[in-house]
Amino acid sequence: MDTQHPSAPSRTQSRLAANNHPNQGQPHTGGGLRHDNTRHTARFTVIGNHLAQHAELSLLAIGLACHIQSLPKGARVDIKTLTARFPEGATRIAAALRELEAHGYLRRERIRLPEGRIVTRTVSCNRPGRARHADREPARPSHPREAPTKKPAPRKKALPAIPQPACTAPALLQQAIDLLADLRRHDPRLLFSPCDTAHLASGVAAWLERDVTPTAVRLALTADLPDEPLRRPAALLAHRLTAQLPPPPPFRAPTPPPPTRHPLQNCEGCDRAFRAPAPGRCYDCRTPLAA
């Protein structure tokens, strides 16, 4: 009863470290695994051993990562789609996705589409941390006399193009600038720099010259804004000014002036009343004279 087993492990190990893999450093003997490989020339995916032999990922997570890396760009990899594809349930697939996300093989990003809708984009990384470890290119030693180069400052992304007015009257542009400056009273997030205001004013002027009232322009720019913080409110308004630009008003021919109505005059020949710009004879009295 007092016999001890020194070869037995003192506690259960749930994961194997990379250096303690059961096949690490094993000599090739008569038994064991042999590979019958054929070189792929089409429809293949390169999978790193850091994923296929990962010491902390579950087998389901490793297989799911291999499947995701083999899919084309734009494929759907949400839980509902993967559950319909594989026999594992939604709970196990969701847990495997969380494993891959925790180890850097997946990233989930929320992006805004041009029409304003927010969607979730999944990014598959075939080698996490490659920019922080061995794959980083070693820095080139600089010459002792070479001065360190200054990193360029990041440039601000330009705003989208907007419609331009046919008439650039100063009064019309000033009305557009005043309208944009008043938008922050309706939504504090719509606060623009002078450069952004000058860019957007041309698009607002294009709306105003199409017989759109300032109230209608204000409603078109502020209606149905998202609840979350706006990263680039000027870009959002530039998109709306372009996408929702109303058509020009229909052409209306100028109304002809009413005919001139002369005052009544008394004929000097027959004393009959007739209309004329000045006193004189009526048509009947003038005709015999002309003849």
C-alpha atoms as a PDB file:
ATOM      1  CA  MET A   1       0.000   0.000   0.000  1.00  0.00           C
ATOM      2  CA  ASP A   2       3.026   2.281   0.531  1.00  0.00           C
ATOM      3  CA  THR A   3       4.312   1.752  -3.030  1.00  0.00           C
ATOM      4  CA  GLN A   4       4.787   5.052  -4.866  1.00  0.00           C
ATOM      5  CA  HIS A   5       4.986   5.707  -8.621  1.00  0.00           C
ATOM      6  CA  PRO A   6       7.671   8.309  -9.183  1.00  0.00           C
ATOM      7  CA  SER A   7       6.978   8.332 -12.934  1.00  0.00           C
ATOM      8  CA  ALA A   8       3.379   9.525 -12.497  1.00  0.00           C
ATOM      9  CA  PRO A   9       2.794  13.278 -12.950  1.00  0.00           C
ATOM     10  CA  SER A  10       2.137  15.228  -9.758  1.00  0.00           C
ATOM     11  CA  ARG A  11      -0.856  17.129 -11.314  1.00  0.00           C
ATOM     12  CA  THR A  12      -2.915  17.041 -14.483  1.00  0.00           C
ATOM     13  CA  GLN A  13      -1.667  19.305 -17.258  1.00  0.00           C
ATOM     14  CA  SER A  14      -4.426  20.629 -19.520  1.00  0.00           C
ATOM     15  CA  ARG A  15      -2.110  22.092 -22.163  1.00  0.00           C
ATOM     16  CA  LEU A  16       1.305  21.057 -23.429  1.00  0.00           C
ATOM     17  CA  ALA A  17       3.994  23.648 -23.827  1.00  0.00           C
ATOM     18  CA  ALA A  18       5.704  23.938 -27.181  1.00  0.00           C
ATOM     19  CA  ASN A  19       8.899  22.322 -25.857  1.00  0.00           C
ATOM     20  CA  ASN A  20       6.978  19.472 -24.201  1.00  0.00           C
ATOM     21  CA  HIS A  21       5.108  18.355 -27.319  1.00  0.00           C
ATOM     22  CA  PRO A  22       4.919  14.510 -27.366  1.00  0.00           C
ATOM     23  CA  ASN A  23       6.513  14.397 -30.844  1.00  0.00           C
ATOM     24  CA  GLN A  24       9.242  16.938 -30.024  1.00  0.00           C
ATOM     25  CA  GLY A  25      12.693  15.448 -30.568  1.00  0.00           C
ATOM     26  CA  GLN A  26      11.443  11.904 -31.191  1.00  0.00           C
ATOM     27  CA  PRO A  27      13.758   9.812 -33.402  1.00  0.00           C
ATOM     28  CA  HIS A  28      12.400   8.208 -36.567  1.00  0.00           C
ATOM     29  CA  THR A  29      11.772   4.532 -35.843  1.00  0.00           C
ATOM     30  CA  GLY A  30      10.039   1.821 -37.760  1.00  0.00           C
ATOM     31  CA  GLY A  31       6.581   2.779 -36.471  1.00  0.00           C
ATOM     32  CA  GLY A  32       4.837   6.081 -36.109  1.00  0.00           C
ATOM     33  CA  LEU A  33       3.682   8.558 -38.736  1.00  0.00           C
ATOM     34  CA  ARG A  34       4.790   8.563 -42.352  1.00  0.00           C
ATOM     35  CA  HIS A  35       3.746  11.163 -44.975  1.00  0.00           C
ATOM     36  CA  ASP A  36       2.642  10.354 -48.502  1.00  0.00           C
ATOM     37  CA  ASN A  37       2.702  13.902 -49.883  1.00  0.00           C
ATOM     38  CA  THR A  38       1.864  15.231 -53.333  1.00  0.00           C
ATOM     39  CA  ARG A  39       2.836  18.748 -54.344  1.00  0.00           C
ATOM     40  CA  HIS A  40      -0.222  20.992 -54.728  1.00  0.00           C
ATOM     41  CA  THR A  41      -0.346  23.243 -57.772  1.00  0.00           C
ATOM     42  CA  ALA A  42      -3.899  24.672 -57.393  1.00  0.00           C
ATOM     43  CA  ARG A  43      -6.573  25.172 -54.714  1.00  0.00           C
ATOM     44  CA  PHE A  44      -4.367  24.939 -51.642  1.00  0.00           C
ATOM     45  CA  THR A  45      -3.793  27.002 -48.500  1.00  0.00           C
ATOM     46  CA  VAL A  46      -0.512  27.433 -46.615  1.00  0.00           C
ATOM     47  CA  ILE A  47      -1.014  26.831 -42.883  1.00  0.00           C
ATOM     48  CA  GLY A  48       1.834  27.525 -40.442  1.00  0.00           C
ATOM     49  CA  ASN A  49       2.881  24.965 -37.852  1.00  0.00           C
ATOM     50  CA  HIS A  50       2.414  27.637 -35.216  1.00  0.00           C
ATOM     51  CA  LEU A  51      -1.315  27.161 -35.857  1.00  0.00           C
ATOM     52  CA  ALA A  52      -1.494  23.473 -36.750  1.00  0.00           C
ATOM     53  CA  GLN A  53       0.577  22.519 -33.663  1.00  0.00           C
ATOM     54  CA  HIS A  54      -0.591  25.319 -31.345  1.00  0.00           C
ATOM     55  CA  ALA A  55      -0.084  24.306 -27.719  1.00  0.00           C
ATOM     56  CA  GLU A  56      -3.052  26.228 -26.270  1.00  0.00           C
ATOM     57  CA  LEU A  57      -5.760  26.176 -28.939  1.00  0.00           C
ATOM     58  CA  SER A  58      -8.347  23.426 -28.967  1.00  0.00           C
ATOM     59  CA  LEU A  59      -8.604  21.057 -31.886  1.00  0.00           C
ATOM     60  CA  LEU A  60     -11.889  22.660 -32.940  1.00  0.00           C
ATOM     61  CA  ALA A  61     -10.310  26.126 -32.929  1.00  0.00           C
ATOM     62  CA  ILE A  62      -7.317  24.919 -34.996  1.00  0.00           C
ATOM     63  CA  GLY A  63      -9.582  23.266 -37.560  1.00  0.00           C
ATOM     64  CA  LEU A  64     -11.864  26.294 -37.704  1.00  0.00           C
ATOM     65  CA  ALA A  65      -8.886  28.619 -38.246  1.00  0.00           C
ATOM     66  CA  CYS A  66      -7.663  26.414 -41.124  1.00  0.00           C
ATOM     67  CA  HIS A  67     -11.138  26.527 -42.693  1.00  0.00           C
ATOM     68  CA  ILE A  68     -11.388  30.319 -42.360  1.00  0.00           C
ATOM     69  CA  GLN A  69      -7.931  30.878 -43.879  1.00  0.00           C
ATOM     70  CA  SER A  70      -8.959  28.798 -46.901  1.00  0.00           C
ATOM     71  CA  LEU A  71     -12.048  30.922 -47.651  1.00  0.00           C
ATOM     72  CA  PRO A  72     -12.000  33.682 -50.291  1.00  0.00           C
ATOM     73  CA  LYS A  73     -12.228  37.363 -49.475  1.00  0.00           C
ATOM     74  CA  GLY A  74     -15.739  38.474 -48.572  1.00  0.00           C
ATOM     75  CA  ALA A  75     -16.941  35.047 -47.376  1.00  0.00           C
ATOM     76  CA  ARG A  76     -19.304  35.007 -44.390  1.00  0.00           C
ATOM     77  CA  VAL A  77     -17.788  33.565 -41.210  1.00  0.00           C
ATOM     78  CA  ASP A  78     -20.454  34.459 -38.674  1.00  0.00           C
ATOM     79  CA  ILE A  79     -21.705  31.895 -36.148  1.00  0.00           C
ATOM     80  CA  LYS A  80     -24.940  31.246 -38.045  1.00  0.00           C
ATOM     81  CA  THR A  81     -23.117  30.489 -41.313  1.00  0.00           C
ATOM     82  CA  LEU A  82     -20.503  28.258 -39.655  1.00  0.00           C
ATOM     83  CA  THR A  83     -23.190  26.354 -37.713  1.00  0.00           C
ATOM     84  CA  ALA A  84     -25.011  25.598 -40.959  1.00  0.00           C
ATOM     85  CA  ARG A  85     -21.728  24.377 -42.490  1.00  0.00           C
ATOM     86  CA  PHE A  86     -20.414  22.118 -39.692  1.00  0.00           C
ATOM     87  CA  PRO A  87     -22.088  19.635 -37.323  1.00  0.00           C
ATOM     88  CA  GLU A  88     -20.766  21.397 -34.196  1.00  0.00           C
ATOM     89  CA  GLY A  89     -23.329  23.556 -32.435  1.00  0.00           C
ATOM     90  CA  ALA A  90     -23.368  27.331 -32.151  1.00  0.00           C
ATOM     91  CA  THR A  91     -22.001  27.242 -28.588  1.00  0.00           C
ATOM     92  CA  ARG A  92     -18.861  25.293 -29.503  1.00  0.00           C
ATOM     93  CA  ILE A  93     -18.224  27.331 -32.645  1.00  0.00           C
ATOM     94  CA  ALA A  94     -18.635  30.588 -30.717  1.00  0.00           C
ATOM     95  CA  ALA A  95     -16.141  29.365 -28.106  1.00  0.00           C
ATOM     96  CA  ALA A  96     -13.642  28.403 -30.823  1.00  0.00           C
ATOM     97  CA  LEU A  97     -13.978  31.862 -32.426  1.00  0.00           C
ATOM     98  CA  ARG A  98     -13.261  33.464 -29.060  1.00  0.00           C
ATOM     99  CA  GLU A  99     -10.133  31.300 -28.729  1.00  0.00           C
ATOM    100  CA  LEU A 100      -8.859  32.433 -32.116  1.00  0.00           C
ATOM    101  CA  GLU A 101      -9.634  36.049 -31.289  1.00  0.00           C
ATOM    102  CA  ALA A 102      -7.814  35.794 -27.949  1.00  0.00           C
ATOM    103  CA  HIS A 103      -4.672  34.402 -29.643  1.00  0.00           C
ATOM    104  CA  GLY A 104      -4.710  36.960 -32.473  1.00  0.00           C
ATOM    105  CA  TYR A 105      -5.840  34.736 -35.351  1.00  0.00           C
ATOM    106  CA  LEU A 106      -9.081  36.717 -35.747  1.00  0.00           C
ATOM    107  CA  ARG A 107      -9.986  40.394 -35.393  1.00  0.00           C
ATOM    108  CA  ARG A 108     -13.459  41.859 -35.465  1.00  0.00           C
ATOM    109  CA  GLU A 109     -13.783  45.448 -36.631  1.00  0.00           C
ATOM    110  CA  ARG A 110     -16.859  47.684 -36.890  1.00  0.00           C
ATOM    111  CA  ILE A 111     -16.833  49.798 -40.040  1.00  0.00           C
ATOM    112  CA  ARG A 112     -19.221  52.305 -41.546  1.00  0.00           C
ATOM    113  CA  LEU A 113     -20.364  51.808 -45.145  1.00  0.00           C
ATOM    114  CA  PRO A 114     -20.641  54.791 -47.518  1.00  0.00           C
ATOM    115  CA  GLU A 115     -24.425  54.875 -47.035  1.00  0.00           C
ATOM    116  CA  GLY A 116     -23.936  55.201 -43.249  1.00  0.00           C
ATOM    117  CA  ARG A 117     -24.776  51.624 -42.167  1.00  0.00           C
ATOM    118  CA  ILE A 118     -22.426  49.989 -39.592  1.00  0.00           C
ATOM    119  CA  VAL A 119     -21.339  46.369 -40.170  1.00  0.00           C
ATOM    120  CA  THR A 120     -18.881  43.961 -38.504  1.00  0.00           C
ATOM    121  CA  ARG A 121     -15.856  42.829 -40.537  1.00  0.00           C
ATOM    122  CA  THR A 122     -13.829  39.764 -39.541  1.00  0.00           C
ATOM    123  CA  VAL A 123     -10.094  39.838 -40.323  1.00  0.00           C
ATOM    124  CA  SER A 124      -8.198  36.514 -40.477  1.00  0.00           C
ATOM    125  CA  CYS A 125      -4.494  36.715 -39.558  1.00  0.00           C
ATOM    126  CA  ASN A 126      -2.406  33.759 -40.718  1.00  0.00           C
ATOM    127  CA  ARG A 127       0.448  34.698 -38.374  1.00  0.00           C
ATOM    128  CA  PRO A 128      -0.385  36.868 -35.366  1.00  0.00           C
ATOM    129  CA  GLY A 129       2.248  39.252 -34.082  1.00  0.00           C
ATOM    130  CA  ARG A 130       4.462  39.007 -37.158  1.00  0.00           C
ATOM    131  CA  ALA A 131       5.181  42.753 -36.964  1.00  0.00           C
ATOM    132  CA  ARG A 132       6.302  42.452 -33.333  1.00  0.00           C
ATOM    133  CA  HIS A 133       8.574  39.375 -33.486  1.00  0.00           C
ATOM    134  CA  ALA A 134      10.939  37.630 -35.857  1.00  0.00           C
ATOM    135  CA  ASP A 135       9.344  38.781 -39.106  1.00  0.00           C
ATOM    136  CA  ARG A 136      10.230  42.402 -38.470  1.00  0.00           C
ATOM    137  CA  GLU A 137      12.921  43.602 -40.866  1.00  0.00           C
ATOM    138  CA  PRO A 138      16.110  44.494 -38.953  1.00  0.00           C
ATOM    139  CA  ALA A 139      16.909  48.167 -38.872  1.00  0.00           C
ATOM    140  CA  ARG A 140      19.725  49.248 -41.151  1.00  0.00           C
ATOM    141  CA  PRO A 141      22.630  50.763 -39.221  1.00  0.00           C
ATOM    142  CA  SER A 142      22.873  54.424 -39.997  1.00  0.00           C
ATOM    143  CA  HIS A 143      26.063  56.165 -41.009  1.00  0.00           C
ATOM    144  CA  PRO A 144      27.710  58.092 -38.177  1.00  0.00           C
ATOM    145  CA  ARG A 145      27.382  61.326 -40.142  1.00  0.00           C
ATOM    146  CA  GLU A 146      23.889  60.594 -41.368  1.00  0.00           C
ATOM    147  CA  ALA A 147      21.272  62.705 -39.615  1.00  0.00           C
ATOM    148  CA  PRO A 148      18.149  60.911 -38.407  1.00  0.00           C
ATOM    149  CA  THR A 149      15.229  61.362 -40.758  1.00  0.00           C
ATOM    150  CA  LYS A 150      12.076  62.867 -39.354  1.00  0.00           C
ATOM    151  CA  LYS A 151       8.927  60.805 -39.745  1.00  0.00           C
ATOM    152  CA  PRO A 152       6.337  62.503 -41.942  1.00  0.00           C
ATOM    153  CA  ALA A 153       3.254  63.734 -40.134  1.00  0.00           C
ATOM    154  CA  PRO A 154       0.062  61.817 -40.974  1.00  0.00           C
ATOM    155  CA  ARG A 155      -2.066  63.604 -43.521  1.00  0.00           C
ATOM    156  CA  LYS A 156      -5.721  64.275 -42.900  1.00  0.00           C
ATOM    157  CA  LYS A 157      -7.946  62.348 -45.273  1.00  0.00           C
ATOM    158  CA  ALA A 158      -9.541  64.639 -47.831  1.00  0.00           C
ATOM    159  CA  LEU A 159     -13.290  65.163 -47.790  1.00  0.00           C
ATOM    160  CA  PRO A 160     -15.395  63.647 -50.605  1.00  0.00           C
ATOM    161  CA  ALA A 161     -16.175  65.791 -53.613  1.00  0.00           C
ATOM    162  CA  ILE A 162     -19.463  67.682 -53.466  1.00  0.00           C
ATOM    163  CA  PRO A 163     -21.688  69.364 -56.089  1.00  0.00           C
ATOM    164  CA  GLN A 164     -20.772  72.895 -57.102  1.00  0.00           C
ATOM    165  CA  PRO A 165     -23.260  75.736 -57.642  1.00  0.00           C
ATOM    166  CA  ALA A 166     -23.713  77.317 -61.030  1.00  0.00           C
ATOM    167  CA  CYS A 167     -23.736  80.767 -59.437  1.00  0.00           C
ATOM    168  CA  THR A 168     -21.008  81.722 -56.973  1.00  0.00           C
ATOM    169  CA  ALA A 169     -22.582  84.922 -55.709  1.00  0.00           C
ATOM    170  CA  PRO A 170     -21.110  86.025 -52.350  1.00  0.00           C
ATOM    171  CA  ALA A 171     -24.580  86.377 -50.845  1.00  0.00           C
ATOM    172  CA  LEU A 172     -25.440  82.759 -51.722  1.00  0.00           C
ATOM    173  CA  LEU A 173     -22.194  81.388 -50.246  1.00  0.00           C
ATOM    174  CA  GLN A 174     -22.628  83.455 -47.087  1.00  0.00           C
ATOM    175  CA  GLN A 175     -26.137  82.063 -46.662  1.00  0.00           C
ATOM    176  CA  ALA A 176     -24.706  78.534 -46.967  1.00  0.00           C
ATOM    177  CA  ILE A 177     -21.961  79.268 -44.397  1.00  0.00           C
ATOM    178  CA  ASP A 178     -24.527  80.655 -41.937  1.00  0.00           C
ATOM    179  CA  LEU A 179     -26.651  77.535 -42.370  1.00  0.00           C
ATOM    180  CA  LEU A 180     -23.689  75.255 -41.608  1.00  0.00           C
ATOM    181  CA  ALA A 181     -22.692  77.308 -38.553  1.00  0.00           C
ATOM    182  CA  ASP A 182     -26.238  76.986 -37.207  1.00  0.00           C
ATOM    183  CA  LEU A 183     -26.238  73.163 -37.379  1.00  0.00           C
ATOM    184  CA  ARG A 184     -24.452  72.806 -34.018  1.00  0.00           C
ATOM    185  CA  ARG A 185     -27.531  74.275 -32.333  1.00  0.00           C
ATOM    186  CA  HIS A 186     -29.441  71.202 -33.526  1.00  0.00           C
ATOM    187  CA  ASP A 187     -26.630  68.649 -32.933  1.00  0.00           C
ATOM    188  CA  PRO A 188     -23.447  69.579 -30.995  1.00  0.00           C
ATOM    189  CA  ARG A 189     -21.473  66.999 -32.999  1.00  0.00           C
ATOM    190  CA  LEU A 190     -21.895  69.062 -36.190  1.00  0.00           C
ATOM    191  CA  LEU A 191     -19.094  71.494 -35.383  1.00  0.00           C
ATOM    192  CA  PHE A 192     -16.766  72.120 -38.331  1.00  0.00           C
ATOM    193  CA  SER A 193     -13.430  73.787 -38.884  1.00  0.00           C
ATOM    194  CA  PRO A 194     -13.182  76.798 -41.231  1.00  0.00           C
ATOM    195  CA  CYS A 195     -11.635  74.555 -43.915  1.00  0.00           C
ATOM    196  CA  ASP A 196     -14.446  71.991 -43.696  1.00  0.00           C
ATOM    197  CA  THR A 197     -17.059  74.761 -43.634  1.00  0.00           C
ATOM    198  CA  ALA A 198     -15.676  76.316 -46.827  1.00  0.00           C
ATOM    199  CA  HIS A 199     -15.718  72.884 -48.509  1.00  0.00           C
ATOM    200  CA  LEU A 200     -19.306  72.109 -47.485  1.00  0.00           C
ATOM    201  CA  ALA A 201     -20.619  75.596 -48.269  1.00  0.00           C
ATOM    202  CA  SER A 202     -20.356  74.970 -52.024  1.00  0.00           C
ATOM    203  CA  GLY A 203     -22.581  71.891 -51.731  1.00  0.00           C
ATOM    204  CA  VAL A 204     -25.153  73.756 -49.614  1.00  0.00           C
ATOM    205  CA  ALA A 205     -25.157  76.610 -52.149  1.00  0.00           C
ATOM    206  CA  ALA A 206     -25.861  74.060 -54.913  1.00  0.00           C
ATOM    207  CA  TRP A 207     -28.970  73.004 -52.965  1.00  0.00           C
ATOM    208  CA  LEU A 208     -30.128  76.554 -52.305  1.00  0.00           C
ATOM    209  CA  GLU A 209     -29.915  77.595 -55.948  1.00  0.00           C
ATOM    210  CA  ARG A 210     -32.255  74.690 -56.803  1.00  0.00           C
ATOM    211  CA  ASP A 211     -35.109  76.383 -54.918  1.00  0.00           C
ATOM    212  CA  VAL A 212     -34.588  74.278 -51.755  1.00  0.00           C
ATOM    213  CA  THR A 213     -35.405  76.236 -48.611  1.00  0.00           C
ATOM    214  CA  PRO A 214     -32.795  76.515 -45.818  1.00  0.00           C
ATOM    215  CA  THR A 215     -35.134  74.569 -43.514  1.00  0.00           C
ATOM    216  CA  ALA A 216     -35.307  71.679 -46.001  1.00  0.00           C
ATOM    217  CA  VAL A 217     -31.506  71.645 -46.343  1.00  0.00           C
ATOM    218  CA  ARG A 218     -31.092  71.608 -42.550  1.00  0.00           C
ATOM    219  CA  LEU A 219     -33.498  68.673 -42.181  1.00  0.00           C
ATOM    220  CA  ALA A 220     -31.733  66.699 -44.908  1.00  0.00           C
ATOM    221  CA  LEU A 221     -28.360  67.118 -43.167  1.00  0.00           C
ATOM    222  CA  THR A 222     -29.464  66.419 -39.578  1.00  0.00           C
ATOM    223  CA  ALA A 223     -32.194  63.772 -39.953  1.00  0.00           C
ATOM    224  CA  ASP A 224     -31.520  60.161 -38.852  1.00  0.00           C
ATOM    225  CA  LEU A 225     -27.953  60.702 -37.675  1.00  0.00           C
ATOM    226  CA  PRO A 226     -26.421  57.675 -35.867  1.00  0.00           C
ATOM    227  CA  ASP A 227     -26.396  57.691 -32.069  1.00  0.00           C
ATOM    228  CA  GLU A 228     -22.725  56.770 -31.682  1.00  0.00           C
ATOM    229  CA  PRO A 229     -19.987  59.435 -31.868  1.00  0.00           C
ATOM    230  CA  LEU A 230     -19.295  60.758 -35.367  1.00  0.00           C
ATOM    231  CA  ARG A 231     -15.664  60.258 -36.368  1.00  0.00           C
ATOM    232  CA  ARG A 232     -15.846  62.544 -39.428  1.00  0.00           C
ATOM    233  CA  PRO A 233     -19.088  64.558 -39.407  1.00  0.00           C
ATOM    234  CA  ALA A 234     -17.924  66.716 -42.315  1.00  0.00           C
ATOM    235  CA  ALA A 235     -17.431  63.616 -44.507  1.00  0.00           C
ATOM    236  CA  LEU A 236     -20.916  62.369 -43.585  1.00  0.00           C
ATOM    237  CA  LEU A 237     -22.519  65.665 -44.591  1.00  0.00           C
ATOM    238  CA  ALA A 238     -20.478  65.780 -47.810  1.00  0.00           C
ATOM    239  CA  HIS A 239     -21.853  62.350 -48.699  1.00  0.00           C
ATOM    240  CA  ARG A 240     -25.424  63.470 -48.015  1.00  0.00           C
ATOM    241  CA  LEU A 241     -25.023  66.662 -50.047  1.00  0.00           C
ATOM    242  CA  THR A 242     -23.921  64.548 -53.023  1.00  0.00           C
ATOM    243  CA  ALA A 243     -26.158  61.483 -52.701  1.00  0.00           C
ATOM    244  CA  GLN A 244     -29.390  63.390 -51.922  1.00  0.00           C
ATOM    245  CA  LEU A 245     -28.922  66.351 -54.294  1.00  0.00           C
ATOM    246  CA  PRO A 246     -32.420  67.275 -55.596  1.00  0.00           C
ATOM    247  CA  PRO A 247     -33.000  67.796 -59.332  1.00  0.00           C
ATOM    248  CA  PRO A 248     -32.957  71.324 -60.723  1.00  0.00           C
ATOM    249  CA  PRO A 249     -36.330  73.115 -60.861  1.00  0.00           C
ATOM    250  CA  PRO A 250     -38.283  72.812 -64.131  1.00  0.00           C
ATOM    251  CA  PHE A 251     -37.851  75.565 -66.710  1.00  0.00           C
ATOM    252  CA  ARG A 252     -40.582  78.177 -66.645  1.00  0.00           C
ATOM    253  CA  ALA A 253     -41.010  80.517 -69.603  1.00  0.00           C
ATOM    254  CA  PRO A 254     -41.291  84.183 -68.601  1.00  0.00           C
ATOM    255  CA  THR A 255     -44.875  85.457 -68.448  1.00  0.00           C
ATOM    256  CA  PRO A 256     -45.543  88.080 -71.149  1.00  0.00           C
ATOM    257  CA  PRO A 257     -46.580  91.498 -69.839  1.00  0.00           C
ATOM    258  CA  PRO A 258     -50.280  92.376 -70.076  1.00  0.00           C
ATOM    259  CA  PRO A 259     -51.318  94.465 -73.102  1.00  0.00           C
ATOM    260  CA  THR A 260     -51.324  98.233 -72.690  1.00  0.00           C
ATOM    261  CA  ARG A 261     -54.803  99.677 -72.041  1.00  0.00           C
ATOM    262  CA  HIS A 262     -54.988 103.292 -73.263  1.00  0.00           C
ATOM    263  CA  PRO A 263     -57.344 105.849 -71.712  1.00  0.00           C
ATOM    264  CA  LEU A 264     -60.635 106.887 -73.332  1.00  0.00           C
ATOM    265  CA  GLN A 265     -60.526 109.906 -75.663  1.00  0.00           C
ATOM    266  CA  ASN A 266     -63.333 111.908 -77.375  1.00  0.00           C
ATOM    267  CA  CYS A 267     -63.044 111.957 -81.169  1.00  0.00           C
ATOM    268  CA  GLU A 268     -62.542 115.465 -82.522  1.00  0.00           C
ATOM    269  CA  GLY A 269     -64.518 114.575 -85.677  1.00  0.00           C
ATOM    270  CA  CYS A 270     -67.577 112.676 -84.409  1.00  0.00           C
ATOM    271  CA  ASP A 271     -67.287 113.185 -80.657  1.00  0.00           C
ATOM    272  CA  ARG A 272     -67.341 109.414 -80.163  1.00  0.00           C
ATOM    273  CA  ALA A 273     -65.332 107.802 -77.347  1.00  0.00           C
ATOM    274  CA  PHE A 274     -62.332 105.678 -78.308  1.00  0.00           C
ATOM    275  CA  ARG A 275     -59.072 104.501 -76.629  1.00  0.00           C
ATOM    276  CA  ALA A 276     -55.835 106.163 -77.633  1.00  0.00           C
ATOM    277  CA  PRO A 277     -52.664 107.381 -75.927  1.00  0.00           C
ATOM    278  CA  ALA A 278     -53.479 111.015 -76.864  1.00  0.00           C
ATOM    279  CA  PRO A 279     -56.517 113.054 -78.040  1.00  0.00           C
ATOM    280  CA  GLY A 280     -57.339 113.033 -81.770  1.00  0.00           C
ATOM    281  CA  ARG A 281     -59.705 111.365 -84.213  1.00  0.00           C
ATOM    282  CA  CYS A 282     -61.090 107.803 -84.046  1.00  0.00           C
ATOM    283  CA  TYR A 283     -60.284 105.164 -86.633  1.00  0.00           C
ATOM    284  CA  ASP A 284     -63.412 105.808 -88.702  1.00  0.00           C
ATOM    285  CA  CYS A 285     -62.706 109.521 -88.906  1.00  0.00           C
ATOM    286  CA  ARG A 286     -59.033 109.006 -89.731  1.00  0.00           C
ATOM    287  CA  THR A 287     -59.657 106.510 -92.569  1.00  0.00           C
ATOM    288  CA  PRO A 288     -61.451 108.913 -95.005  1.00  0.00           C
ATOM    289  CA  LEU A 289     -58.765 111.514 -94.430  1.00  0.00           C
ATOM    290  CA  ALA A 290     -56.043 109.055 -95.237  1.00  0.00           C
ATOM    291  CA  ALA A 291     -57.865 107.934 -98.371  1.00  0.00           C
END
